[in-house]
Amino acid sequence: MSEAGLPPRAPSPPRQRYGRRRGRIPVGDRFVSRLGPANGEPFASIDDPDQGPPRQRPAASTPIAELRFVALDCETTGQTPHHLVELGAVAFTLDSHLMSFETLVHSNDHINPYARRIHGIAPETLHGAPPVSRVVARFRRFVEGAVLVEHSADAFDTRLIARTVGSDLDADNLDTTRLASRIWGLRDTIGLERLCAQLGVTHRKPHHALADAEATAACFLRLLELGGAQFGWATLGDLLEAGQPPPLRTEPGTDSAAARRSASGRRRPRPRRAPPPGPGAVDSY
């Protein structure tokens, strides 16, 4: 008993800590896959050697059939400034799936609880994942000479990677939401899962970076068919005119575009009251 006649206080539980968890998550030197291949396709590894001469950025006059595309998706810590925790991508042409890229990314930053519920990545999930510097260095080689494709009206994913690298990626960028808006005359963006349903594309695991990239690639190919029939898209220049994201409107060094994201790192699409017009329209949207 204490001098006041009361039992001693039990020790207080440790306070929950937020922010950076320095030194708690071990870093690895190999890609860590969360989903894996869907059909046994080849996968990039962190230490793949360079093969052949450097691929050049294609000219706007390049026919679509001659282009190499890379669809990509990022999962992040879910708060400004966003940091990568997973990167997935698919390299493809009009008629071939070339290679997939998938890895978790080491981070000591706090993962927003809402983002964690959405993408399922917790700090312990990142044990043994490679550092972001090695991931983006390998990714720059993966996208060399390709046209980037993402489902993001403000190019969030490519700009996040460029900010991480410290310079813009030397590649043109296309957005599937803008291509869909051009085809169907939409005024608002359309979510990836709704776009997949609209186009009859299977999305095997929403909010997993590789699966989102796979779905984006499949939707993109279907949009090319519709846009080619409707507008005669034939060259990279045609696609850039219809689907290139606008220039970043923020001042250099700011991250207000990312701040406008939801905690999951994705813009929440505003609902539409009417179904999109055009080929393949459905009864509800």
C-alpha atoms as a PDB file:
ATOM      1  CA  MET A   1       0.000   0.000   0.000  1.00  0.00           C
ATOM      2  CA  SER A   2       1.137   3.549  -0.688  1.00  0.00           C
ATOM      3  CA  GLU A   3       1.400   6.194   1.996  1.00  0.00           C
ATOM      4  CA  ALA A   4      -2.082   7.383   1.072  1.00  0.00           C
ATOM      5  CA  GLY A   5      -3.470   3.913   1.737  1.00  0.00           C
ATOM      6  CA  LEU A   6      -4.074   3.189  -1.930  1.00  0.00           C
ATOM      7  CA  PRO A   7      -2.612   0.348  -3.998  1.00  0.00           C
ATOM      8  CA  PRO A   8       0.171   1.386  -6.359  1.00  0.00           C
ATOM      9  CA  ARG A   9      -0.871   2.309  -9.873  1.00  0.00           C
ATOM     10  CA  ALA A  10      -0.394  -0.253 -12.601  1.00  0.00           C
ATOM     11  CA  PRO A  11       2.182   0.823 -15.167  1.00  0.00           C
ATOM     12  CA  SER A  12       0.652   2.697 -18.104  1.00  0.00           C
ATOM     13  CA  PRO A  13       0.557   0.824 -21.437  1.00  0.00           C
ATOM     14  CA  PRO A  14       3.011   2.131 -24.004  1.00  0.00           C
ATOM     15  CA  ARG A  15       1.605   4.969 -26.075  1.00  0.00           C
ATOM     16  CA  GLN A  16       0.833   4.160 -29.686  1.00  0.00           C
ATOM     17  CA  ARG A  17       3.379   5.762 -31.931  1.00  0.00           C
ATOM     18  CA  TYR A  18       2.627   7.268 -35.311  1.00  0.00           C
ATOM     19  CA  GLY A  19       4.783   8.547 -38.118  1.00  0.00           C
ATOM     20  CA  ARG A  20       7.986   6.834 -39.141  1.00  0.00           C
ATOM     21  CA  ARG A  21       8.908   3.447 -37.712  1.00  0.00           C
ATOM     22  CA  ARG A  22      12.650   3.730 -38.029  1.00  0.00           C
ATOM     23  CA  GLY A  23      14.582   0.509 -38.162  1.00  0.00           C
ATOM     24  CA  ARG A  24      11.631  -1.743 -37.364  1.00  0.00           C
ATOM     25  CA  ILE A  25      11.021  -3.173 -40.815  1.00  0.00           C
ATOM     26  CA  PRO A  26      13.909  -5.143 -42.321  1.00  0.00           C
ATOM     27  CA  VAL A  27      14.774  -4.262 -45.906  1.00  0.00           C
ATOM     28  CA  GLY A  28      15.368  -6.872 -48.608  1.00  0.00           C
ATOM     29  CA  ASP A  29      17.242  -7.112 -51.891  1.00  0.00           C
ATOM     30  CA  ARG A  30      14.707  -9.016 -54.014  1.00  0.00           C
ATOM     31  CA  PHE A  31      11.271  -8.217 -55.357  1.00  0.00           C
ATOM     32  CA  VAL A  32       8.504  -9.362 -53.014  1.00  0.00           C
ATOM     33  CA  SER A  33       5.372 -10.392 -54.904  1.00  0.00           C
ATOM     34  CA  ARG A  34       1.954 -10.116 -53.266  1.00  0.00           C
ATOM     35  CA  LEU A  35      -0.201 -11.506 -56.064  1.00  0.00           C
ATOM     36  CA  GLY A  36       1.955 -13.307 -58.612  1.00  0.00           C
ATOM     37  CA  PRO A  37       1.310 -14.196 -62.241  1.00  0.00           C
ATOM     38  CA  ALA A  38      -2.161 -14.932 -63.532  1.00  0.00           C
ATOM     39  CA  ASN A  39      -1.186 -17.206 -66.417  1.00  0.00           C
ATOM     40  CA  GLY A  40       2.493 -17.996 -66.002  1.00  0.00           C
ATOM     41  CA  GLU A  41       3.667 -14.866 -67.804  1.00  0.00           C
ATOM     42  CA  PRO A  42       7.330 -13.772 -67.381  1.00  0.00           C
ATOM     43  CA  PHE A  43       8.117 -11.488 -64.456  1.00  0.00           C
ATOM     44  CA  ALA A  44      10.790  -8.837 -64.076  1.00  0.00           C
ATOM     45  CA  SER A  45      13.273  -9.263 -61.227  1.00  0.00           C
ATOM     46  CA  ILE A  46      15.255  -6.625 -59.404  1.00  0.00           C
ATOM     47  CA  ASP A  47      18.600  -7.685 -60.872  1.00  0.00           C
ATOM     48  CA  ASP A  48      17.671  -8.478 -64.484  1.00  0.00           C
ATOM     49  CA  PRO A  49      20.588  -7.517 -66.755  1.00  0.00           C
ATOM     50  CA  ASP A  50      20.149  -4.994 -69.529  1.00  0.00           C
ATOM     51  CA  GLN A  51      19.296  -6.664 -72.811  1.00  0.00           C
ATOM     52  CA  GLY A  52      19.940  -5.059 -76.170  1.00  0.00           C
ATOM     53  CA  PRO A  53      20.400  -1.381 -77.011  1.00  0.00           C
ATOM     54  CA  PRO A  54      18.403   1.297 -75.182  1.00  0.00           C
ATOM     55  CA  ARG A  55      14.836   1.632 -76.445  1.00  0.00           C
ATOM     56  CA  GLN A  56      14.029   5.081 -77.814  1.00  0.00           C
ATOM     57  CA  ARG A  57      10.954   7.135 -76.962  1.00  0.00           C
ATOM     58  CA  PRO A  58       8.532   6.733 -79.893  1.00  0.00           C
ATOM     59  CA  ALA A  59       7.532   9.669 -82.085  1.00  0.00           C
ATOM     60  CA  ALA A  60       3.944  10.896 -82.202  1.00  0.00           C
ATOM     61  CA  SER A  61       3.658   9.562 -85.743  1.00  0.00           C
ATOM     62  CA  THR A  62       4.375   5.965 -84.638  1.00  0.00           C
ATOM     63  CA  PRO A  63       1.512   3.600 -85.547  1.00  0.00           C
ATOM     64  CA  ILE A  64      -0.290   2.134 -82.544  1.00  0.00           C
ATOM     65  CA  ALA A  65       0.545  -1.394 -83.692  1.00  0.00           C
ATOM     66  CA  GLU A  66       4.278  -0.639 -83.311  1.00  0.00           C
ATOM     67  CA  LEU A  67       4.071   0.771 -79.773  1.00  0.00           C
ATOM     68  CA  ARG A  68       5.123  -0.889 -76.540  1.00  0.00           C
ATOM     69  CA  PHE A  69       2.867   0.058 -73.622  1.00  0.00           C
ATOM     70  CA  VAL A  70       3.302  -0.240 -69.862  1.00  0.00           C
ATOM     71  CA  ALA A  71       0.193  -0.071 -67.689  1.00  0.00           C
ATOM     72  CA  LEU A  72       1.030   0.718 -64.072  1.00  0.00           C
ATOM     73  CA  ASP A  73      -0.517   1.153 -60.664  1.00  0.00           C
ATOM     74  CA  CYS A  74       0.784   2.182 -57.238  1.00  0.00           C
ATOM     75  CA  GLU A  75      -0.415   1.534 -53.714  1.00  0.00           C
ATOM     76  CA  THR A  76       0.716   4.111 -51.188  1.00  0.00           C
ATOM     77  CA  THR A  77       0.870   4.989 -47.509  1.00  0.00           C
ATOM     78  CA  GLY A  78      -2.358   6.918 -48.104  1.00  0.00           C
ATOM     79  CA  GLN A  79      -1.405  10.318 -46.723  1.00  0.00           C
ATOM     80  CA  THR A  80       0.419  13.379 -47.992  1.00  0.00           C
ATOM     81  CA  PRO A  81       3.189  13.099 -48.940  1.00  0.00           C
ATOM     82  CA  HIS A  82       2.332   9.702 -50.387  1.00  0.00           C
ATOM     83  CA  HIS A  83       5.024   7.035 -50.403  1.00  0.00           C
ATOM     84  CA  LEU A  84       5.102   3.827 -52.414  1.00  0.00           C
ATOM     85  CA  VAL A  85       4.308   0.544 -50.684  1.00  0.00           C
ATOM     86  CA  GLU A  86       3.551  -1.474 -53.827  1.00  0.00           C
ATOM     87  CA  LEU A  87       4.198  -1.071 -57.548  1.00  0.00           C
ATOM     88  CA  GLY A  88       2.692  -3.207 -60.290  1.00  0.00           C
ATOM     89  CA  ALA A  89       2.982  -2.922 -64.059  1.00  0.00           C
ATOM     90  CA  VAL A  90       2.372  -4.837 -67.274  1.00  0.00           C
ATOM     91  CA  ALA A  91       4.381  -4.398 -70.487  1.00  0.00           C
ATOM     92  CA  PHE A  92       2.349  -5.244 -73.590  1.00  0.00           C
ATOM     93  CA  THR A  93       1.659  -4.568 -77.237  1.00  0.00           C
ATOM     94  CA  LEU A  94      -1.619  -4.733 -79.135  1.00  0.00           C
ATOM     95  CA  ASP A  95      -1.347  -8.493 -79.472  1.00  0.00           C
ATOM     96  CA  SER A  96       1.052  -9.679 -76.763  1.00  0.00           C
ATOM     97  CA  HIS A  97       1.583  -9.598 -72.987  1.00  0.00           C
ATOM     98  CA  LEU A  98       5.353  -9.105 -72.737  1.00  0.00           C
ATOM     99  CA  MET A  99       6.235  -9.058 -69.047  1.00  0.00           C
ATOM    100  CA  SER A 100       4.840  -8.205 -65.604  1.00  0.00           C
ATOM    101  CA  PHE A 101       6.414  -6.197 -62.799  1.00  0.00           C
ATOM    102  CA  GLU A 102       5.280  -6.513 -59.178  1.00  0.00           C
ATOM    103  CA  THR A 103       6.794  -5.826 -55.804  1.00  0.00           C
ATOM    104  CA  LEU A 104       6.040  -4.517 -52.373  1.00  0.00           C
ATOM    105  CA  VAL A 105       8.231  -1.542 -51.470  1.00  0.00           C
ATOM    106  CA  HIS A 106      10.038  -1.091 -48.167  1.00  0.00           C
ATOM    107  CA  SER A 107       8.831   1.867 -46.110  1.00  0.00           C
ATOM    108  CA  ASN A 108       9.191   2.984 -42.517  1.00  0.00           C
ATOM    109  CA  ASP A 109       6.357   5.470 -42.896  1.00  0.00           C
ATOM    110  CA  HIS A 110       3.021   5.162 -41.142  1.00  0.00           C
ATOM    111  CA  ILE A 111       0.339   3.608 -43.351  1.00  0.00           C
ATOM    112  CA  ASN A 112      -2.981   5.371 -43.043  1.00  0.00           C
ATOM    113  CA  PRO A 113      -5.560   3.000 -41.449  1.00  0.00           C
ATOM    114  CA  TYR A 114      -8.128   3.682 -44.169  1.00  0.00           C
ATOM    115  CA  ALA A 115      -5.590   2.937 -46.907  1.00  0.00           C
ATOM    116  CA  ARG A 116      -4.600  -0.223 -45.054  1.00  0.00           C
ATOM    117  CA  ARG A 117      -8.209  -1.421 -45.085  1.00  0.00           C
ATOM    118  CA  ILE A 118      -8.455  -0.715 -48.804  1.00  0.00           C
ATOM    119  CA  HIS A 119      -5.260  -2.316 -50.103  1.00  0.00           C
ATOM    120  CA  GLY A 120      -4.509  -4.701 -47.219  1.00  0.00           C
ATOM    121  CA  ILE A 121      -0.870  -3.670 -46.796  1.00  0.00           C
ATOM    122  CA  ALA A 122       0.274  -3.328 -43.183  1.00  0.00           C
ATOM    123  CA  PRO A 123       3.790  -2.486 -41.943  1.00  0.00           C
ATOM    124  CA  GLU A 124       4.533  -6.148 -41.278  1.00  0.00           C
ATOM    125  CA  THR A 125       3.572  -6.922 -44.891  1.00  0.00           C
ATOM    126  CA  LEU A 126       6.618  -4.962 -46.021  1.00  0.00           C
ATOM    127  CA  HIS A 127       9.177  -7.080 -44.153  1.00  0.00           C
ATOM    128  CA  GLY A 128      11.957  -7.985 -46.563  1.00  0.00           C
ATOM    129  CA  ALA A 129      10.679  -5.741 -49.377  1.00  0.00           C
ATOM    130  CA  PRO A 130      13.340  -3.903 -51.408  1.00  0.00           C
ATOM    131  CA  PRO A 131      14.081  -0.191 -50.918  1.00  0.00           C
ATOM    132  CA  VAL A 132      12.245   2.280 -53.092  1.00  0.00           C
ATOM    133  CA  SER A 133      15.483   3.452 -54.735  1.00  0.00           C
ATOM    134  CA  ARG A 134      16.151  -0.007 -56.226  1.00  0.00           C
ATOM    135  CA  VAL A 135      12.514  -0.463 -57.229  1.00  0.00           C
ATOM    136  CA  VAL A 136      12.239   2.779 -59.175  1.00  0.00           C
ATOM    137  CA  ALA A 137      15.673   2.314 -60.742  1.00  0.00           C
ATOM    138  CA  ARG A 138      14.583  -1.073 -62.104  1.00  0.00           C
ATOM    139  CA  PHE A 139      11.211   0.370 -63.121  1.00  0.00           C
ATOM    140  CA  ARG A 140      12.867   3.088 -65.202  1.00  0.00           C
ATOM    141  CA  ARG A 141      14.542   0.366 -67.253  1.00  0.00           C
ATOM    142  CA  PHE A 142      11.272  -1.556 -67.466  1.00  0.00           C
ATOM    143  CA  VAL A 143       9.431   1.394 -69.052  1.00  0.00           C
ATOM    144  CA  GLU A 144      12.227   2.506 -71.362  1.00  0.00           C
ATOM    145  CA  GLY A 145      10.842   3.284 -74.808  1.00  0.00           C
ATOM    146  CA  ALA A 146       7.255   2.562 -73.741  1.00  0.00           C
ATOM    147  CA  VAL A 147       4.073   4.613 -73.576  1.00  0.00           C
ATOM    148  CA  LEU A 148       2.737   4.669 -69.998  1.00  0.00           C
ATOM    149  CA  VAL A 149      -0.926   3.875 -69.358  1.00  0.00           C
ATOM    150  CA  GLU A 150      -2.698   4.478 -66.066  1.00  0.00           C
ATOM    151  CA  HIS A 151      -6.208   4.882 -64.741  1.00  0.00           C
ATOM    152  CA  SER A 152      -5.806   8.315 -63.196  1.00  0.00           C
ATOM    153  CA  ALA A 153      -7.072  11.603 -64.582  1.00  0.00           C
ATOM    154  CA  ASP A 154      -4.250  13.595 -62.943  1.00  0.00           C
ATOM    155  CA  ALA A 155      -1.447  11.070 -63.610  1.00  0.00           C
ATOM    156  CA  PHE A 156      -1.035  10.414 -59.888  1.00  0.00           C
ATOM    157  CA  ASP A 157       0.944   7.196 -60.307  1.00  0.00           C
ATOM    158  CA  THR A 158       3.504   8.416 -62.819  1.00  0.00           C
ATOM    159  CA  ARG A 159       3.956  11.695 -60.965  1.00  0.00           C
ATOM    160  CA  LEU A 160       4.451   9.848 -57.692  1.00  0.00           C
ATOM    161  CA  ILE A 161       7.161   7.716 -59.292  1.00  0.00           C
ATOM    162  CA  ALA A 162       8.747  10.790 -60.905  1.00  0.00           C
ATOM    163  CA  ARG A 163       8.812  12.550 -57.532  1.00  0.00           C
ATOM    164  CA  THR A 164      10.421   9.467 -56.008  1.00  0.00           C
ATOM    165  CA  VAL A 165      13.002   9.257 -58.791  1.00  0.00           C
ATOM    166  CA  GLY A 166      13.656  12.992 -58.656  1.00  0.00           C
ATOM    167  CA  SER A 167      12.949  13.630 -62.338  1.00  0.00           C
ATOM    168  CA  ASP A 168      10.222  13.047 -64.915  1.00  0.00           C
ATOM    169  CA  LEU A 169      10.053   9.659 -66.589  1.00  0.00           C
ATOM    170  CA  ASP A 170      11.094   9.928 -70.236  1.00  0.00           C
ATOM    171  CA  ALA A 171       7.790   8.641 -71.570  1.00  0.00           C
ATOM    172  CA  ASP A 172       4.428   9.783 -72.846  1.00  0.00           C
ATOM    173  CA  ASN A 173       1.450   9.081 -70.630  1.00  0.00           C
ATOM    174  CA  LEU A 174      -2.142   8.042 -71.400  1.00  0.00           C
ATOM    175  CA  ASP A 175      -5.125   7.945 -69.067  1.00  0.00           C
ATOM    176  CA  THR A 176      -7.911   5.413 -69.541  1.00  0.00           C
ATOM    177  CA  THR A 177     -10.464   7.658 -67.801  1.00  0.00           C
ATOM    178  CA  ARG A 178      -9.889  10.349 -70.424  1.00  0.00           C
ATOM    179  CA  LEU A 179     -10.099   7.880 -73.290  1.00  0.00           C
ATOM    180  CA  ALA A 180     -13.373   6.555 -71.877  1.00  0.00           C
ATOM    181  CA  SER A 181     -14.685  10.103 -71.452  1.00  0.00           C
ATOM    182  CA  ARG A 182     -13.861  10.868 -75.075  1.00  0.00           C
ATOM    183  CA  ILE A 183     -15.608   7.743 -76.351  1.00  0.00           C
ATOM    184  CA  TRP A 184     -18.755   8.037 -74.221  1.00  0.00           C
ATOM    185  CA  GLY A 185     -18.911  11.813 -73.731  1.00  0.00           C
ATOM    186  CA  LEU A 186     -18.565  11.582 -69.949  1.00  0.00           C
ATOM    187  CA  ARG A 187     -18.109  14.731 -67.892  1.00  0.00           C
ATOM    188  CA  ASP A 188     -16.748  12.947 -64.815  1.00  0.00           C
ATOM    189  CA  THR A 189     -14.150  10.251 -64.290  1.00  0.00           C
ATOM    190  CA  ILE A 190     -15.143   6.608 -64.151  1.00  0.00           C
ATOM    191  CA  GLY A 191     -13.723   4.229 -61.534  1.00  0.00           C
ATOM    192  CA  LEU A 192     -11.616   1.294 -62.651  1.00  0.00           C
ATOM    193  CA  GLU A 193     -14.016  -1.362 -61.381  1.00  0.00           C
ATOM    194  CA  ARG A 194     -16.943   0.315 -63.159  1.00  0.00           C
ATOM    195  CA  LEU A 195     -14.912   0.638 -66.324  1.00  0.00           C
ATOM    196  CA  CYS A 196     -14.070  -3.068 -66.153  1.00  0.00           C
ATOM    197  CA  ALA A 197     -17.768  -3.898 -65.784  1.00  0.00           C
ATOM    198  CA  GLN A 198     -18.633  -1.592 -68.680  1.00  0.00           C
ATOM    199  CA  LEU A 199     -16.083  -3.240 -70.968  1.00  0.00           C
ATOM    200  CA  GLY A 200     -16.487  -6.818 -69.773  1.00  0.00           C
ATOM    201  CA  VAL A 201     -12.958  -6.986 -68.337  1.00  0.00           C
ATOM    202  CA  THR A 202     -12.138  -9.361 -65.478  1.00  0.00           C
ATOM    203  CA  HIS A 203     -10.419  -7.692 -62.526  1.00  0.00           C
ATOM    204  CA  ARG A 204      -8.888 -10.460 -60.459  1.00  0.00           C
ATOM    205  CA  LYS A 205      -7.983  -8.551 -57.263  1.00  0.00           C
ATOM    206  CA  PRO A 206      -8.967  -4.871 -56.847  1.00  0.00           C
ATOM    207  CA  HIS A 207      -6.518  -2.644 -54.958  1.00  0.00           C
ATOM    208  CA  HIS A 208      -3.582  -4.930 -55.657  1.00  0.00           C
ATOM    209  CA  ALA A 209      -1.112  -3.003 -57.812  1.00  0.00           C
ATOM    210  CA  LEU A 210      -0.459  -5.755 -60.349  1.00  0.00           C
ATOM    211  CA  ALA A 211      -4.136  -6.668 -60.724  1.00  0.00           C
ATOM    212  CA  ASP A 212      -5.075  -3.008 -61.148  1.00  0.00           C
ATOM    213  CA  ALA A 213      -2.351  -2.657 -63.806  1.00  0.00           C
ATOM    214  CA  GLU A 214      -3.616  -5.800 -65.583  1.00  0.00           C
ATOM    215  CA  ALA A 215      -7.176  -4.478 -65.555  1.00  0.00           C
ATOM    216  CA  THR A 216      -6.016  -1.080 -66.804  1.00  0.00           C
ATOM    217  CA  ALA A 217      -4.148  -2.731 -69.690  1.00  0.00           C
ATOM    218  CA  ALA A 218      -7.167  -4.850 -70.658  1.00  0.00           C
ATOM    219  CA  CYS A 219      -9.511  -1.833 -70.520  1.00  0.00           C
ATOM    220  CA  PHE A 220      -7.039   0.211 -72.556  1.00  0.00           C
ATOM    221  CA  LEU A 221      -6.948  -2.377 -75.342  1.00  0.00           C
ATOM    222  CA  ARG A 222     -10.739  -2.465 -75.455  1.00  0.00           C
ATOM    223  CA  LEU A 223     -10.889   1.352 -75.534  1.00  0.00           C
ATOM    224  CA  LEU A 224      -8.454   1.350 -78.450  1.00  0.00           C
ATOM    225  CA  GLU A 225     -10.867  -0.850 -80.394  1.00  0.00           C
ATOM    226  CA  LEU A 226     -13.804   1.455 -79.661  1.00  0.00           C
ATOM    227  CA  GLY A 227     -11.822   4.643 -80.307  1.00  0.00           C
ATOM    228  CA  GLY A 228     -10.347   3.281 -83.504  1.00  0.00           C
ATOM    229  CA  ALA A 229     -13.790   2.474 -84.839  1.00  0.00           C
ATOM    230  CA  GLN A 230     -15.321   5.762 -83.681  1.00  0.00           C
ATOM    231  CA  PHE A 231     -12.500   8.263 -84.255  1.00  0.00           C
ATOM    232  CA  GLY A 232      -9.972   6.443 -86.413  1.00  0.00           C
ATOM    233  CA  TRP A 233      -7.195   6.420 -83.811  1.00  0.00           C
ATOM    234  CA  ALA A 234      -4.123   5.144 -85.647  1.00  0.00           C
ATOM    235  CA  THR A 235      -0.999   6.763 -84.184  1.00  0.00           C
ATOM    236  CA  LEU A 236       0.466   7.705 -80.826  1.00  0.00           C
ATOM    237  CA  GLY A 237      -0.374  11.326 -81.625  1.00  0.00           C
ATOM    238  CA  ASP A 238      -4.064  10.431 -81.923  1.00  0.00           C
ATOM    239  CA  LEU A 239      -3.977   8.774 -78.494  1.00  0.00           C
ATOM    240  CA  LEU A 240      -2.145  11.693 -76.894  1.00  0.00           C
ATOM    241  CA  GLU A 241      -4.712  14.136 -78.242  1.00  0.00           C
ATOM    242  CA  ALA A 242      -7.544  12.069 -76.780  1.00  0.00           C
ATOM    243  CA  GLY A 243      -6.068  10.718 -73.557  1.00  0.00           C
ATOM    244  CA  GLN A 244      -3.023  12.608 -72.333  1.00  0.00           C
ATOM    245  CA  PRO A 245      -3.397  13.952 -68.756  1.00  0.00           C
ATOM    246  CA  PRO A 246      -3.129  17.733 -68.372  1.00  0.00           C
ATOM    247  CA  PRO A 247       0.075  19.361 -67.113  1.00  0.00           C
ATOM    248  CA  LEU A 248       0.486  19.522 -63.361  1.00  0.00           C
ATOM    249  CA  ARG A 249      -0.989  22.810 -62.132  1.00  0.00           C
ATOM    250  CA  THR A 250       0.784  23.037 -58.789  1.00  0.00           C
ATOM    251  CA  GLU A 251       3.957  24.964 -58.075  1.00  0.00           C
ATOM    252  CA  PRO A 252       7.231  23.000 -58.133  1.00  0.00           C
ATOM    253  CA  GLY A 253       7.913  21.226 -54.845  1.00  0.00           C
ATOM    254  CA  THR A 254       4.270  21.082 -53.727  1.00  0.00           C
ATOM    255  CA  ASP A 255       2.119  17.986 -53.389  1.00  0.00           C
ATOM    256  CA  SER A 256      -1.368  19.444 -53.467  1.00  0.00           C
ATOM    257  CA  ALA A 257      -2.405  17.074 -56.255  1.00  0.00           C
ATOM    258  CA  ALA A 258      -1.660  14.168 -53.962  1.00  0.00           C
ATOM    259  CA  ALA A 259      -3.383  15.964 -51.104  1.00  0.00           C
ATOM    260  CA  ARG A 260      -6.588  15.947 -53.096  1.00  0.00           C
ATOM    261  CA  ARG A 261      -6.496  12.169 -53.119  1.00  0.00           C
ATOM    262  CA  SER A 262      -8.512  10.064 -50.776  1.00  0.00           C
ATOM    263  CA  ALA A 263      -6.659   8.225 -48.030  1.00  0.00           C
ATOM    264  CA  SER A 264      -6.323   5.179 -50.275  1.00  0.00           C
ATOM    265  CA  GLY A 265      -4.349   7.217 -52.784  1.00  0.00           C
ATOM    266  CA  ARG A 266      -7.190   7.261 -55.285  1.00  0.00           C
ATOM    267  CA  ARG A 267      -9.534  10.059 -56.264  1.00  0.00           C
ATOM    268  CA  ARG A 268     -13.112   9.176 -55.358  1.00  0.00           C
ATOM    269  CA  PRO A 269     -15.140   9.437 -58.571  1.00  0.00           C
ATOM    270  CA  ARG A 270     -18.293  11.508 -58.413  1.00  0.00           C
ATOM    271  CA  PRO A 271     -21.422   9.505 -59.247  1.00  0.00           C
ATOM    272  CA  ARG A 272     -23.212  10.005 -62.518  1.00  0.00           C
ATOM    273  CA  ARG A 273     -26.972   9.994 -62.794  1.00  0.00           C
ATOM    274  CA  ALA A 274     -27.194   8.597 -66.297  1.00  0.00           C
ATOM    275  CA  PRO A 275     -25.546   5.643 -68.040  1.00  0.00           C
ATOM    276  CA  PRO A 276     -22.699   6.451 -70.433  1.00  0.00           C
ATOM    277  CA  PRO A 277     -23.806   6.594 -74.056  1.00  0.00           C
ATOM    278  CA  GLY A 278     -22.143   4.799 -76.893  1.00  0.00           C
ATOM    279  CA  PRO A 279     -21.280   1.176 -77.670  1.00  0.00           C
ATOM    280  CA  GLY A 280     -21.794  -1.293 -74.866  1.00  0.00           C
ATOM    281  CA  ALA A 281     -23.870   0.993 -72.669  1.00  0.00           C
ATOM    282  CA  VAL A 282     -25.365  -0.686 -69.639  1.00  0.00           C
ATOM    283  CA  ASP A 283     -28.553  -0.050 -67.726  1.00  0.00           C
ATOM    284  CA  SER A 284     -26.875   1.346 -64.624  1.00  0.00           C
ATOM    285  CA  TYR A 285     -23.640   3.162 -64.003  1.00  0.00           C
END
